[in-house]
Amino acid sequence: MHRRAITPAMAVVTAAAGYLAMTMALAAPADAGGRAWSRSGTVTGPRGGTTTWERSGSCEGGTCTRSGSATGPGGRTRSWDKSRACADGTCTSQGSYTGPAGRTWNSTGSATYGGGTVQAQGTITGPKGGTATYERSRACTGGTCSSETSVTGPGGRTATRESTITRDGNSWQRDVTTTGPNGGTWTREGYGTCAGGTCTYGGTVTGPRGKTGTYSGTSGPTQ
């Protein structure tokens, strides 16, 4: 059987697509209010395997930090962290993602906020030096926010993510589609409610082969 070589460029974009798919499953719609917050939950795959995850973050002044990890049914762990500093409508950020094999991807970027919109861009560098660029836009009107993200590697291979979230009082619904560089698509349908400072949420994630998993979790401020 002929095996196609995986170049650093392909590896960076493929990892970015996987990271976008993973974070869409693990993310709640917005950081919990307050200076510090935490989240935890589970993702159950179509074959019954369960991944547990946790995230936490804090903000002080114009700087916010957050980190998290996810451990799969085989005990393999992924971790990530990010920091962001903002002033006068502009933010700069840096972060890292480490896969279960110990390889690390690093990102740096900037974003401009104003008038209910966000424009962001930056770079992602893989463990072998391959570099990808990303662009993200977000706009809100009424109770609905829509965002688009693309990650393009040095060989022109692109992964994309589209998201729409609609809020109604203390509840929300979110739909996300992530498309990898080879055309494989992951879709997420999520929902959640908040009461007394704590939010609960859940939903489904369907992969490119049509198999569906579920996820659930809680978030709230930390003491």
Protein backbone atom coordinates (compact mmCIF):
# COMPACT_ATOMS: atom_id res chain seq x y z
CA MET A 1 0.00 0.00 0.00
CA HIS A 2 1.29 3.44 -0.89
CA ARG A 3 1.49 5.79 2.08
CA ARG A 4 1.47 9.53 1.49
CA ALA A 5 4.15 11.48 3.34
CA ILE A 6 2.91 13.97 5.92
CA THR A 7 4.72 17.28 5.46
CA PRO A 8 5.08 19.88 8.24
CA ALA A 9 2.61 22.09 6.35
CA MET A 10 -0.03 19.35 6.22
CA ALA A 11 0.60 18.46 9.85
CA VAL A 12 0.05 22.05 11.03
CA VAL A 13 -3.23 22.49 9.15
CA THR A 14 -4.51 19.02 10.08
CA ALA A 15 -3.70 19.66 13.74
CA ALA A 16 -5.40 23.05 13.52
CA ALA A 17 -8.53 21.42 12.07
CA GLY A 18 -8.54 18.88 14.90
CA TYR A 19 -8.00 21.61 17.47
CA LEU A 20 -10.90 23.66 16.04
CA ALA A 21 -13.12 20.57 16.14
CA MET A 22 -12.11 19.74 19.70
CA THR A 23 -12.56 23.26 21.06
CA MET A 24 -15.96 23.59 19.45
CA ALA A 25 -17.04 20.53 21.43
CA LEU A 26 -15.54 21.71 24.70
CA ALA A 27 -16.34 25.43 24.63
CA ALA A 28 -19.29 27.01 26.36
CA PRO A 29 -20.76 30.09 24.64
CA ALA A 30 -18.84 32.66 26.69
CA ASP A 31 -16.51 32.92 29.63
CA ALA A 32 -18.39 32.89 32.91
CA GLY A 33 -18.78 36.26 34.54
CA GLY A 34 -16.47 37.40 37.31
CA ARG A 35 -12.72 37.52 37.71
CA ALA A 36 -12.24 33.76 37.68
CA TRP A 37 -14.21 30.85 36.25
CA SER A 38 -14.03 27.11 35.71
CA ARG A 39 -15.75 24.51 33.54
CA SER A 40 -15.77 20.75 33.33
CA GLY A 41 -17.61 18.11 31.40
CA THR A 42 -17.57 14.95 29.33
CA VAL A 43 -17.69 14.03 25.64
CA THR A 44 -19.04 10.57 24.77
CA GLY A 45 -18.18 9.19 21.34
CA PRO A 46 -20.39 7.08 19.07
CA ARG A 47 -18.76 3.88 20.42
CA GLY A 48 -19.27 4.83 24.04
CA GLY A 49 -15.74 6.03 24.81
CA THR A 50 -15.70 9.02 27.18
CA THR A 51 -13.37 12.00 27.30
CA THR A 52 -13.29 14.17 30.43
CA TRP A 53 -12.16 17.77 30.28
CA GLU A 54 -11.74 20.87 32.39
CA ARG A 55 -11.02 24.54 31.72
CA SER A 56 -10.33 27.52 33.95
CA GLY A 57 -9.43 31.18 33.57
CA SER A 58 -9.12 34.53 35.26
CA CYS A 59 -8.96 38.22 34.35
CA GLU A 60 -7.30 41.17 36.04
CA GLY A 61 -7.16 44.62 34.54
CA GLY A 62 -6.89 44.21 30.78
CA THR A 63 -5.23 40.77 30.90
CA CYS A 64 -6.97 37.39 30.86
CA THR A 65 -5.46 33.90 31.05
CA ARG A 66 -7.06 30.51 30.59
CA SER A 67 -5.98 26.89 30.35
CA GLY A 68 -7.47 23.45 30.04
CA SER A 69 -6.96 19.77 29.41
CA ALA A 70 -8.85 16.80 28.00
CA THR A 71 -8.17 13.12 28.75
CA GLY A 72 -9.51 10.45 26.43
CA PRO A 73 -10.75 6.94 27.23
CA GLY A 74 -7.22 5.56 26.72
CA GLY A 75 -5.73 7.98 29.25
CA ARG A 76 -4.06 10.18 26.62
CA THR A 77 -4.16 13.89 27.53
CA ARG A 78 -4.20 17.10 25.49
CA SER A 79 -3.62 20.47 27.14
CA TRP A 80 -3.72 24.12 26.10
CA ASP A 81 -3.26 27.60 27.52
CA LYS A 82 -3.78 31.15 26.29
CA SER A 83 -3.23 34.70 27.50
CA ARG A 84 -4.69 37.93 26.14
CA ALA A 85 -3.98 41.57 26.89
CA CYS A 86 -6.32 44.36 25.72
CA ALA A 87 -6.19 48.17 25.58
CA ASP A 88 -8.10 50.77 23.55
CA GLY A 89 -10.08 48.24 21.51
CA THR A 90 -7.08 46.12 20.48
CA CYS A 91 -5.92 42.82 21.97
CA THR A 92 -2.79 40.72 21.56
CA SER A 93 -2.70 37.03 22.43
CA GLN A 94 -0.40 34.05 22.65
CA GLY A 95 -1.03 30.42 23.44
CA SER A 96 0.04 26.82 23.07
CA TYR A 97 -1.54 23.42 22.48
CA THR A 98 0.23 20.16 23.41
CA GLY A 99 -1.04 16.88 21.99
CA PRO A 100 -1.01 13.46 23.65
CA ALA A 101 2.37 12.63 22.08
CA GLY A 102 3.96 15.69 23.73
CA ARG A 103 4.28 17.76 20.56
CA THR A 104 3.40 21.46 20.94
CA TRP A 105 1.85 24.03 18.61
CA ASN A 106 2.25 27.74 19.46
CA SER A 107 0.08 30.65 18.37
CA THR A 108 0.35 34.44 18.44
CA GLY A 109 -2.22 36.95 17.22
CA SER A 110 -4.03 40.26 17.49
CA ALA A 111 -7.66 41.39 17.35
CA THR A 112 -9.58 44.64 16.94
CA TYR A 113 -12.97 45.17 18.61
CA GLY A 114 -15.66 47.77 17.93
CA GLY A 115 -19.27 48.27 16.90
CA GLY A 116 -20.27 44.72 17.76
CA THR A 117 -17.62 43.19 15.48
CA VAL A 118 -14.25 41.47 15.94
CA GLN A 119 -11.45 41.07 13.40
CA ALA A 120 -8.55 38.81 14.38
CA GLN A 121 -5.49 37.30 12.72
CA GLY A 122 -2.31 35.48 13.70
CA THR A 123 0.02 32.55 13.16
CA ILE A 124 0.27 28.94 14.38
CA THR A 125 3.68 27.24 14.40
CA GLY A 126 3.93 23.45 14.60
CA PRO A 127 6.53 21.33 16.43
CA LYS A 128 8.52 20.82 13.19
CA GLY A 129 8.48 24.51 12.24
CA GLY A 130 5.60 24.50 9.77
CA THR A 131 3.62 27.74 10.02
CA ALA A 132 -0.06 28.43 9.30
CA THR A 133 -1.97 31.71 9.38
CA TYR A 134 -5.46 32.21 10.72
CA GLU A 135 -8.18 34.83 10.29
CA ARG A 136 -11.33 35.25 12.33
CA SER A 137 -14.31 37.58 12.10
CA ARG A 138 -17.31 37.91 14.40
CA ALA A 139 -20.42 40.09 14.27
CA CYS A 140 -23.42 40.39 16.60
CA THR A 141 -26.86 41.80 16.02
CA GLY A 142 -29.85 41.45 18.29
CA GLY A 143 -29.44 38.22 20.21
CA THR A 144 -27.41 36.41 17.54
CA CYS A 145 -23.65 36.33 16.96
CA SER A 146 -21.97 34.70 13.96
CA SER A 147 -18.27 33.99 13.46
CA GLU A 148 -16.01 32.57 10.76
CA THR A 149 -12.45 31.26 11.24
CA SER A 150 -9.99 29.93 8.67
CA VAL A 151 -6.53 28.41 9.12
CA THR A 152 -4.29 28.15 6.03
CA GLY A 153 -0.97 26.31 5.90
CA PRO A 154 2.10 27.19 3.83
CA GLY A 155 0.93 24.77 1.11
CA GLY A 156 -2.43 26.53 0.82
CA ARG A 157 -4.42 23.81 2.63
CA THR A 158 -7.24 25.34 4.68
CA ALA A 159 -9.42 24.38 7.63
CA THR A 160 -12.52 26.46 8.45
CA ARG A 161 -14.97 26.90 11.31
CA GLU A 162 -18.37 28.62 11.19
CA SER A 163 -20.42 29.28 14.31
CA THR A 164 -23.77 30.87 15.15
CA ILE A 165 -25.10 31.38 18.66
CA THR A 166 -28.53 32.74 19.58
CA ARG A 167 -29.40 33.84 23.11
CA ASP A 168 -32.86 34.06 24.64
CA GLY A 169 -32.85 35.24 28.23
CA ASN A 170 -30.81 32.76 30.29
CA SER A 171 -30.62 30.13 27.55
CA TRP A 172 -28.76 29.77 24.27
CA GLN A 173 -28.40 27.58 21.20
CA ARG A 174 -25.22 27.20 19.14
CA ASP A 175 -24.52 25.57 15.77
CA VAL A 176 -20.93 25.00 14.62
CA THR A 177 -19.42 23.49 11.49
CA THR A 178 -15.69 22.70 11.20
CA THR A 179 -14.25 21.57 7.86
CA GLY A 180 -10.78 20.03 7.68
CA PRO A 181 -8.20 20.48 4.89
CA ASN A 182 -9.35 17.26 3.19
CA GLY A 183 -13.04 18.27 3.23
CA GLY A 184 -14.10 16.23 6.27
CA THR A 185 -16.79 18.05 8.26
CA TRP A 186 -17.68 18.04 11.96
CA THR A 187 -20.98 19.59 13.04
CA ARG A 188 -22.08 20.53 16.51
CA GLU A 189 -25.55 21.35 17.83
CA GLY A 190 -25.47 22.70 21.36
CA TYR A 191 -27.70 24.32 23.95
CA GLY A 192 -27.51 25.56 27.53
CA THR A 193 -29.12 27.44 30.38
CA CYS A 194 -27.84 29.51 33.31
CA ALA A 195 -29.26 30.02 36.79
CA GLY A 196 -27.75 31.25 40.04
CA GLY A 197 -24.33 31.92 38.49
CA THR A 198 -23.93 28.37 37.13
CA CYS A 199 -24.50 27.25 33.55
CA THR A 200 -25.23 23.73 32.30
CA TYR A 201 -24.98 22.76 28.65
CA GLY A 202 -24.84 19.85 26.27
CA GLY A 203 -25.37 18.72 22.70
CA THR A 204 -24.13 16.49 19.92
CA VAL A 205 -21.09 16.41 17.62
CA THR A 206 -21.26 14.54 14.31
CA GLY A 207 -18.08 13.60 12.44
CA PRO A 208 -17.34 13.31 8.71
CA ARG A 209 -18.44 9.64 8.64
CA GLY A 210 -21.84 10.47 10.10
CA LYS A 211 -21.16 9.07 13.57
CA THR A 212 -22.50 11.15 16.45
CA GLY A 213 -21.22 11.71 19.97
CA THR A 214 -22.63 13.69 22.87
CA TYR A 215 -21.15 16.17 25.33
CA SER A 216 -22.26 17.90 28.53
CA GLY A 217 -20.75 20.15 31.17
CA THR A 218 -21.12 22.92 33.71
CA SER A 219 -19.45 26.32 34.16
CA GLY A 220 -19.44 28.98 36.81
CA PRO A 221 -17.29 31.43 38.78
CA THR A 222 -14.59 30.12 41.09
CA GLN A 223 -14.15 31.36 44.62
